[in-house]
C-alpha cells in the first residue's frame, strides 16, 4: 500500500479518465468505475460520490455516455454507463489535448531543472 497522499484531480481530467475506463472495460456502474480507478492508481485516486456522480451526469448531458438501468452482481439496481460514438470521438480529442498539455508542462519543468 502506497504511503503517498491521495492525488487531487486537475479540472477536466475526470471526464477523460471516466471515458477511458468505459472505452476499455465496457459498460460499468459508478461503483465499478470508482473501484477500477482506485485500483489502477494504486489507491492514490479515491473518488467519492460527490465527485463521480456529477461527472457522470455531465458526460451523459454531453451525449458522451449513455446510462441504462440494470442489476449488479449483488442483485441490486444500478445505472450502468456506456461510452457512445460521440464519446469515443471526445475521448480521442481529449487524449490528444491532455498529451499536448502534459508535454508542455514536462518541458517547462525540465527547463526549471536546468537553471
Protein backbone atom coordinates (compact mmCIF):
# COMPACT_ATOMS: atom_id res chain seq x y z
CA UNK A 1 0.00 0.00 0.00
CA UNK A 2 1.50 3.33 -1.03
CA UNK A 3 2.41 5.83 1.63
CA UNK A 4 1.73 8.77 -0.67
CA UNK A 5 -1.18 11.14 -0.15
CA UNK A 6 -4.21 10.73 -2.43
CA UNK A 7 -3.99 12.89 -5.54
CA UNK A 8 -6.31 15.75 -6.41
CA UNK A 9 -7.52 15.63 -10.00
CA UNK A 10 -6.87 18.57 -12.25
CA UNK A 11 -10.03 20.12 -13.61
CA UNK A 12 -11.17 18.32 -16.75
CA UNK A 13 -9.19 15.14 -16.20
CA UNK A 14 -12.01 13.21 -14.51
CA UNK A 15 -14.06 13.22 -17.71
CA UNK A 16 -11.08 11.90 -19.63
CA UNK A 17 -10.35 9.03 -17.27
CA UNK A 18 -14.01 8.02 -16.94
CA UNK A 19 -14.35 7.93 -20.73
CA UNK A 20 -11.15 5.88 -20.97
CA UNK A 21 -12.37 3.44 -18.33
CA UNK A 22 -15.67 2.88 -20.15
CA UNK A 23 -13.94 2.57 -23.53
CA UNK A 24 -11.57 -0.04 -22.11
CA UNK A 25 -13.89 -2.02 -19.82
CA UNK A 26 -17.32 -1.60 -21.39
CA UNK A 27 -20.48 -0.61 -19.52
CA UNK A 28 -19.97 -0.13 -15.77
CA UNK A 29 -21.91 1.33 -12.86
CA UNK A 30 -20.48 4.16 -10.78
CA UNK A 31 -19.11 1.97 -8.00
CA UNK A 32 -17.28 -0.21 -10.53
CA UNK A 33 -15.79 2.88 -12.18
CA UNK A 34 -14.61 4.31 -8.86
CA UNK A 35 -13.18 0.95 -7.77
CA UNK A 36 -11.32 0.50 -11.06
CA UNK A 37 -9.78 3.95 -10.89
CA UNK A 38 -8.69 3.32 -7.33
CA UNK A 39 -7.08 0.01 -8.35
CA UNK A 40 -5.29 1.41 -11.39
CA UNK A 41 -3.98 4.37 -9.37
CA UNK A 42 -2.67 2.13 -6.55
CA UNK A 43 -5.22 3.83 -4.24
CA UNK A 44 -3.84 7.32 -4.99
CA UNK A 45 -7.18 8.27 -6.53
CA UNK A 46 -10.25 7.83 -4.35
CA UNK A 47 -13.42 9.23 -5.85
CA UNK A 48 -16.42 9.85 -3.67
CA UNK A 49 -20.00 10.01 -4.91
CA UNK A 50 -19.97 13.80 -4.75
CA UNK A 51 -17.15 13.84 -7.28
CA UNK A 52 -18.06 10.98 -9.61
CA UNK A 53 -21.82 11.38 -9.99
CA UNK A 54 -21.73 14.99 -11.23
CA UNK A 55 -19.14 13.92 -13.81
CA UNK A 56 -21.36 11.06 -14.97
CA UNK A 57 -24.36 13.39 -15.25
CA UNK A 58 -22.26 15.92 -17.19
CA UNK A 59 -20.90 13.27 -19.58
CA UNK A 60 -24.43 11.97 -20.14
CA UNK A 61 -25.68 15.50 -20.88
CA UNK A 62 -22.87 15.93 -23.43
CA UNK A 63 -24.03 12.71 -25.09
CA UNK A 64 -20.63 11.11 -24.48
CA UNK A 65 -22.03 8.31 -22.33
CA UNK A 66 -25.44 6.70 -22.06
CA UNK A 67 -26.87 5.30 -18.87
CA UNK A 68 -29.33 2.45 -18.57
CA UNK A 69 -30.69 0.68 -15.53
CA UNK A 70 -29.64 -2.87 -14.80
CA UNK A 71 -28.92 -5.30 -11.99
CA UNK A 72 -25.49 -5.60 -10.38
CA UNK A 73 -23.68 -8.81 -9.49
CA UNK A 74 -25.15 -8.33 -5.98
CA UNK A 75 -28.69 -8.25 -7.39
CA UNK A 76 -29.13 -4.51 -6.83
CA UNK A 77 -30.45 -1.98 -9.29
CA UNK A 78 -27.83 0.40 -10.62
CA UNK A 79 -27.35 2.68 -13.58
CA UNK A 80 -24.77 1.30 -15.98
CA UNK A 81 -22.90 3.75 -18.19
CA UNK A 82 -21.53 3.03 -21.67
CA UNK A 83 -19.46 5.26 -23.92
CA UNK A 84 -21.18 6.46 -27.11
CA UNK A 85 -19.71 7.13 -30.57
CA UNK A 86 -19.52 10.88 -29.81
CA UNK A 87 -17.87 9.88 -26.52
CA UNK A 88 -15.21 7.90 -28.35
CA UNK A 89 -14.52 10.91 -30.55
CA UNK A 90 -14.33 13.16 -27.47
CA UNK A 91 -12.01 10.65 -25.78
CA UNK A 92 -9.63 10.79 -28.72
CA UNK A 93 -9.70 14.60 -28.82
CA UNK A 94 -9.30 14.97 -25.05
CA UNK A 95 -6.47 12.42 -25.00
CA UNK A 96 -4.58 14.41 -27.64
CA UNK A 97 -5.23 17.66 -25.75
CA UNK A 98 -4.01 16.09 -22.48
CA UNK A 99 -0.84 14.77 -24.10
CA UNK A 100 -0.03 18.20 -25.56
CA UNK A 101 -0.64 19.87 -22.19
CA UNK A 102 1.33 17.33 -20.16
CA UNK A 103 4.18 17.52 -22.70
CA UNK A 104 4.27 21.28 -22.30
CA UNK A 105 4.36 21.01 -18.50
CA UNK A 106 7.17 18.43 -18.72
CA UNK A 107 9.21 20.74 -20.98
CA UNK A 108 8.68 23.67 -18.63
CA UNK A 109 9.70 21.62 -15.62
CA UNK A 110 12.80 20.35 -17.43
CA UNK A 111 13.81 23.95 -18.16
CA UNK A 112 13.47 24.79 -14.47
CA UNK A 113 15.69 21.83 -13.54
CA UNK A 114 18.48 23.20 -15.75
CA UNK A 115 18.59 26.66 -14.22
